[in-house]
């Protein structure tokens, strides 16, 4: 991979990181505004990310294709980051061997 390609990918990932904040806010706005099935939220995040990435042309010199990729990545990461940060773990912390209060589950 050439140095120019690495630089372009680095800029795309940096742009994606900046977009994630805006995409996360947009996804949450859509979630509270419309009743949607939970399994469709990541797909909506990807589409919103691509849309926000496409219209962010005044802020970057990346090509449209790279902005769309950055938007899609930010949509997926924003959805995952929000779910990881703000949703409480189910079943005692996600396989930690406890029932949520630090005690092992009762056998039987």
Protein backbone atom coordinates (compact mmCIF):
# COMPACT_ATOMS: atom_id res chain seq x y z
CA UNK A 1 0.00 0.00 0.00
CA UNK A 2 1.44 3.33 -0.95
CA UNK A 3 1.93 6.21 1.45
CA UNK A 4 -0.77 8.19 -0.35
CA UNK A 5 -3.33 5.41 0.12
CA UNK A 6 -2.50 5.15 3.81
CA UNK A 7 -2.90 8.89 4.23
CA UNK A 8 -6.28 8.81 2.48
CA UNK A 9 -7.51 5.95 4.67
CA UNK A 10 -6.28 7.70 7.79
CA UNK A 11 -8.18 10.84 6.81
CA UNK A 12 -11.30 8.78 6.08
CA UNK A 13 -11.17 7.12 9.50
CA UNK A 14 -10.62 10.48 11.21
CA UNK A 15 -13.59 11.90 9.31
CA UNK A 16 -15.66 8.85 10.30
CA UNK A 17 -14.77 9.42 13.95
CA UNK A 18 -15.96 13.01 13.76
CA UNK A 19 -19.17 12.02 11.98
CA UNK A 20 -20.03 9.40 14.61
CA UNK A 21 -21.17 12.04 17.10
CA UNK A 22 -23.61 13.59 14.64
CA UNK A 23 -24.84 10.23 13.36
CA UNK A 24 -25.43 8.99 16.90
CA UNK A 25 -27.54 12.08 17.62
CA UNK A 26 -29.49 11.63 14.37
CA UNK A 27 -30.15 7.94 15.04
CA UNK A 28 -31.40 8.70 18.54
CA UNK A 29 -33.65 11.43 17.17
CA UNK A 30 -35.15 8.98 14.68
CA UNK A 31 -35.52 6.30 17.39
CA UNK A 32 -37.53 8.57 19.68
CA UNK A 33 -39.55 10.10 16.85
CA UNK A 34 -40.71 6.93 15.09
CA UNK A 35 -41.60 3.46 16.35
CA UNK A 36 -39.02 1.23 14.69
CA UNK A 37 -38.07 -2.42 15.17
CA UNK A 38 -34.78 -2.70 17.05
CA UNK A 39 -33.18 -4.89 14.42
CA UNK A 40 -33.54 -2.11 11.83
CA UNK A 41 -31.65 0.52 13.88
CA UNK A 42 -28.14 -0.38 12.60
CA UNK A 43 -29.39 -0.22 9.01
CA UNK A 44 -30.93 3.19 9.68
CA UNK A 45 -27.63 4.25 11.27
CA UNK A 46 -25.74 3.25 8.13
CA UNK A 47 -28.12 5.17 5.86
CA UNK A 48 -28.10 8.25 8.09
CA UNK A 49 -24.32 8.08 8.29
CA UNK A 50 -24.02 7.89 4.52
CA UNK A 51 -26.41 10.82 4.15
CA UNK A 52 -24.55 12.96 6.67
CA UNK A 53 -21.23 11.95 5.11
CA UNK A 54 -22.45 12.90 1.65
CA UNK A 55 -23.68 16.35 2.67
CA UNK A 56 -20.51 17.11 4.66
CA UNK A 57 -18.57 18.02 1.51
CA UNK A 58 -17.76 21.61 2.61
CA UNK A 59 -15.80 20.27 5.60
CA UNK A 60 -13.46 17.84 3.84
CA UNK A 61 -11.70 17.27 0.56
CA UNK A 62 -12.46 13.52 0.53
CA UNK A 63 -14.17 12.13 -2.54
CA UNK A 64 -17.86 11.22 -2.41
CA UNK A 65 -17.07 7.50 -2.25
CA UNK A 66 -14.78 7.96 0.76
CA UNK A 67 -17.34 10.20 2.48
CA UNK A 68 -20.02 7.52 1.94
CA UNK A 69 -17.74 4.84 3.38
CA UNK A 70 -16.89 7.07 6.33
CA UNK A 71 -20.60 7.73 6.89
CA UNK A 72 -21.45 4.03 6.78
CA UNK A 73 -18.67 3.23 9.27
CA UNK A 74 -19.77 6.05 11.55
CA UNK A 75 -23.38 4.83 11.38
CA UNK A 76 -22.40 1.35 12.50
CA UNK A 77 -20.05 2.60 15.18
CA UNK A 78 -22.50 5.21 16.48
CA UNK A 79 -25.22 2.58 16.86
CA UNK A 80 -22.87 0.20 18.65
CA UNK A 81 -21.36 2.89 20.85
CA UNK A 82 -24.76 4.09 22.01
CA UNK A 83 -25.97 0.56 22.73
CA UNK A 84 -22.78 -0.26 24.65
CA UNK A 85 -22.73 2.98 26.61
CA UNK A 86 -26.35 3.55 27.56
CA UNK A 87 -28.10 0.18 27.63
CA UNK A 88 -27.80 -1.87 30.77
CA UNK A 89 -26.46 -5.39 30.31
CA UNK A 90 -28.95 -8.21 30.43
CA UNK A 91 -28.65 -11.55 32.21
CA UNK A 92 -26.32 -10.41 34.93
CA UNK A 93 -23.77 -8.48 32.96
CA UNK A 94 -23.33 -10.47 29.80
CA UNK A 95 -21.97 -13.79 30.96
CA UNK A 96 -19.98 -12.65 33.95
CA UNK A 97 -21.31 -15.52 36.06
CA UNK A 98 -23.32 -13.27 38.38
CA UNK A 99 -26.99 -12.37 38.61
CA UNK A 100 -26.43 -8.61 38.46
CA UNK A 101 -25.80 -7.98 42.15
CA UNK A 102 -22.38 -9.62 42.31
CA UNK A 103 -23.76 -12.92 43.54
CA UNK A 104 -23.55 -16.14 41.52
CA UNK A 105 -26.90 -17.38 40.19
CA UNK A 106 -28.80 -19.82 42.37
CA UNK A 107 -28.50 -23.40 41.18
CA UNK A 108 -31.47 -25.65 40.91
